[in-house]
Amino acid sequence: MAVQISAPHWQADDGCHIDVRGLPAPQPMLQILALLETIVAGAGAAVIVHHDREPIYLYPELAERGWNHEILPGEDGEVRLRLWQ
């Protein structure tokens, strides 16, 4: 059964954003992975994640799916990531 993307998400010039701040575990990871499944492989799209902590358990899942990550400057109390293939 596919996970429905219920976290706020939107398209901007720098990519598709998803805000998983405040969601209980494991929802942030499930929401991010569900969004990644909607991205066309090789399209060069970036995903910007707005999180309230560094998602260390997400990183192996990203690598397994061929996604890279980097931490970007964010607001106070926010961990912002850029994901790309």
Protein backbone atom coordinates (compact mmCIF):
# COMPACT_ATOMS: atom_id res chain seq x y z
CA MET A 1 0.00 0.00 0.00
CA ALA A 2 1.47 3.34 -1.04
CA VAL A 3 1.89 6.09 1.53
CA GLN A 4 -0.20 9.19 0.80
CA ILE A 5 1.75 12.45 0.91
CA SER A 6 -0.02 14.41 3.62
CA ALA A 7 2.87 16.71 4.61
CA PRO A 8 2.82 20.19 3.07
CA HIS A 9 4.66 20.13 -0.26
CA TRP A 10 4.99 22.62 -3.09
CA GLN A 11 6.94 23.37 -6.24
CA ALA A 12 9.39 26.30 -6.35
CA ASP A 13 12.16 27.45 -8.67
CA ASP A 14 14.78 25.45 -6.73
CA GLY A 15 12.79 22.20 -6.66
CA CYS A 16 9.95 20.41 -4.93
CA HIS A 17 9.74 21.28 -1.24
CA ILE A 18 8.31 19.12 1.55
CA ASP A 19 7.88 20.26 5.17
CA VAL A 20 7.96 17.36 7.64
CA ARG A 21 8.62 19.45 10.75
CA GLY A 22 6.56 18.38 13.73
CA LEU A 23 5.58 14.96 12.36
CA PRO A 24 6.09 11.98 14.68
CA ALA A 25 8.56 9.27 13.66
CA PRO A 26 8.55 7.49 11.24
CA GLN A 27 6.27 9.86 9.29
CA PRO A 28 8.99 12.28 8.12
CA MET A 29 10.93 9.48 6.42
CA LEU A 30 7.79 7.87 4.99
CA GLN A 31 6.55 11.20 3.61
CA ILE A 32 9.93 12.04 2.04
CA LEU A 33 10.26 8.59 0.44
CA ALA A 34 6.68 8.76 -0.86
CA LEU A 35 7.45 12.11 -2.50
CA LEU A 36 10.65 10.73 -4.07
CA GLU A 37 8.60 7.95 -5.67
CA THR A 38 6.67 10.61 -7.59
CA ILE A 39 9.83 12.16 -9.09
CA VAL A 40 10.73 11.02 -12.61
CA ALA A 41 14.14 9.33 -12.53
CA GLY A 42 16.85 11.29 -14.29
CA ALA A 43 14.73 14.43 -14.63
CA GLY A 44 17.32 16.47 -12.72
CA ALA A 45 14.76 17.48 -10.14
CA ALA A 46 15.80 18.48 -6.64
CA VAL A 47 13.77 17.96 -3.50
CA ILE A 48 14.15 20.40 -0.61
CA VAL A 49 13.28 18.91 2.78
CA HIS A 50 12.35 21.09 5.77
CA HIS A 51 12.96 19.00 8.90
CA ASP A 52 13.36 19.73 12.60
CA ARG A 53 16.28 17.31 13.09
CA GLU A 54 18.93 15.63 10.97
CA PRO A 55 17.30 12.49 9.52
CA ILE A 56 20.25 10.10 9.91
CA TYR A 57 18.12 7.01 9.26
CA LEU A 58 16.96 8.50 5.95
CA TYR A 59 20.45 8.62 4.45
CA PRO A 60 20.88 4.85 3.83
CA GLU A 61 17.38 4.75 2.28
CA LEU A 62 18.33 7.60 -0.05
CA ALA A 63 21.58 5.91 -1.09
CA GLU A 64 19.74 2.66 -1.79
CA ARG A 65 17.40 4.55 -4.14
CA GLY A 66 20.20 6.46 -5.90
CA TRP A 67 19.59 9.84 -4.22
CA ASN A 68 22.27 12.19 -2.86
CA HIS A 69 21.85 14.74 -0.08
CA GLU A 70 23.42 17.87 1.31
CA ILE A 71 22.53 20.09 4.25
CA LEU A 72 21.60 23.65 3.32
CA PRO A 73 21.34 26.77 5.48
CA GLY A 74 17.86 26.95 6.98
CA GLU A 75 15.83 28.84 9.51
CA ASP A 76 16.65 28.63 13.23
CA GLY A 77 15.67 25.19 14.53
CA GLU A 78 15.36 23.78 11.02
CA VAL A 79 17.49 21.23 9.18
CA ARG A 80 17.10 21.86 5.45
CA LEU A 81 18.27 19.23 2.97
CA ARG A 82 18.62 19.21 -0.79
CA LEU A 83 18.12 15.80 -2.38
CA TRP A 84 19.01 14.97 -5.98
CA GLN A 85 19.69 11.94 -8.15
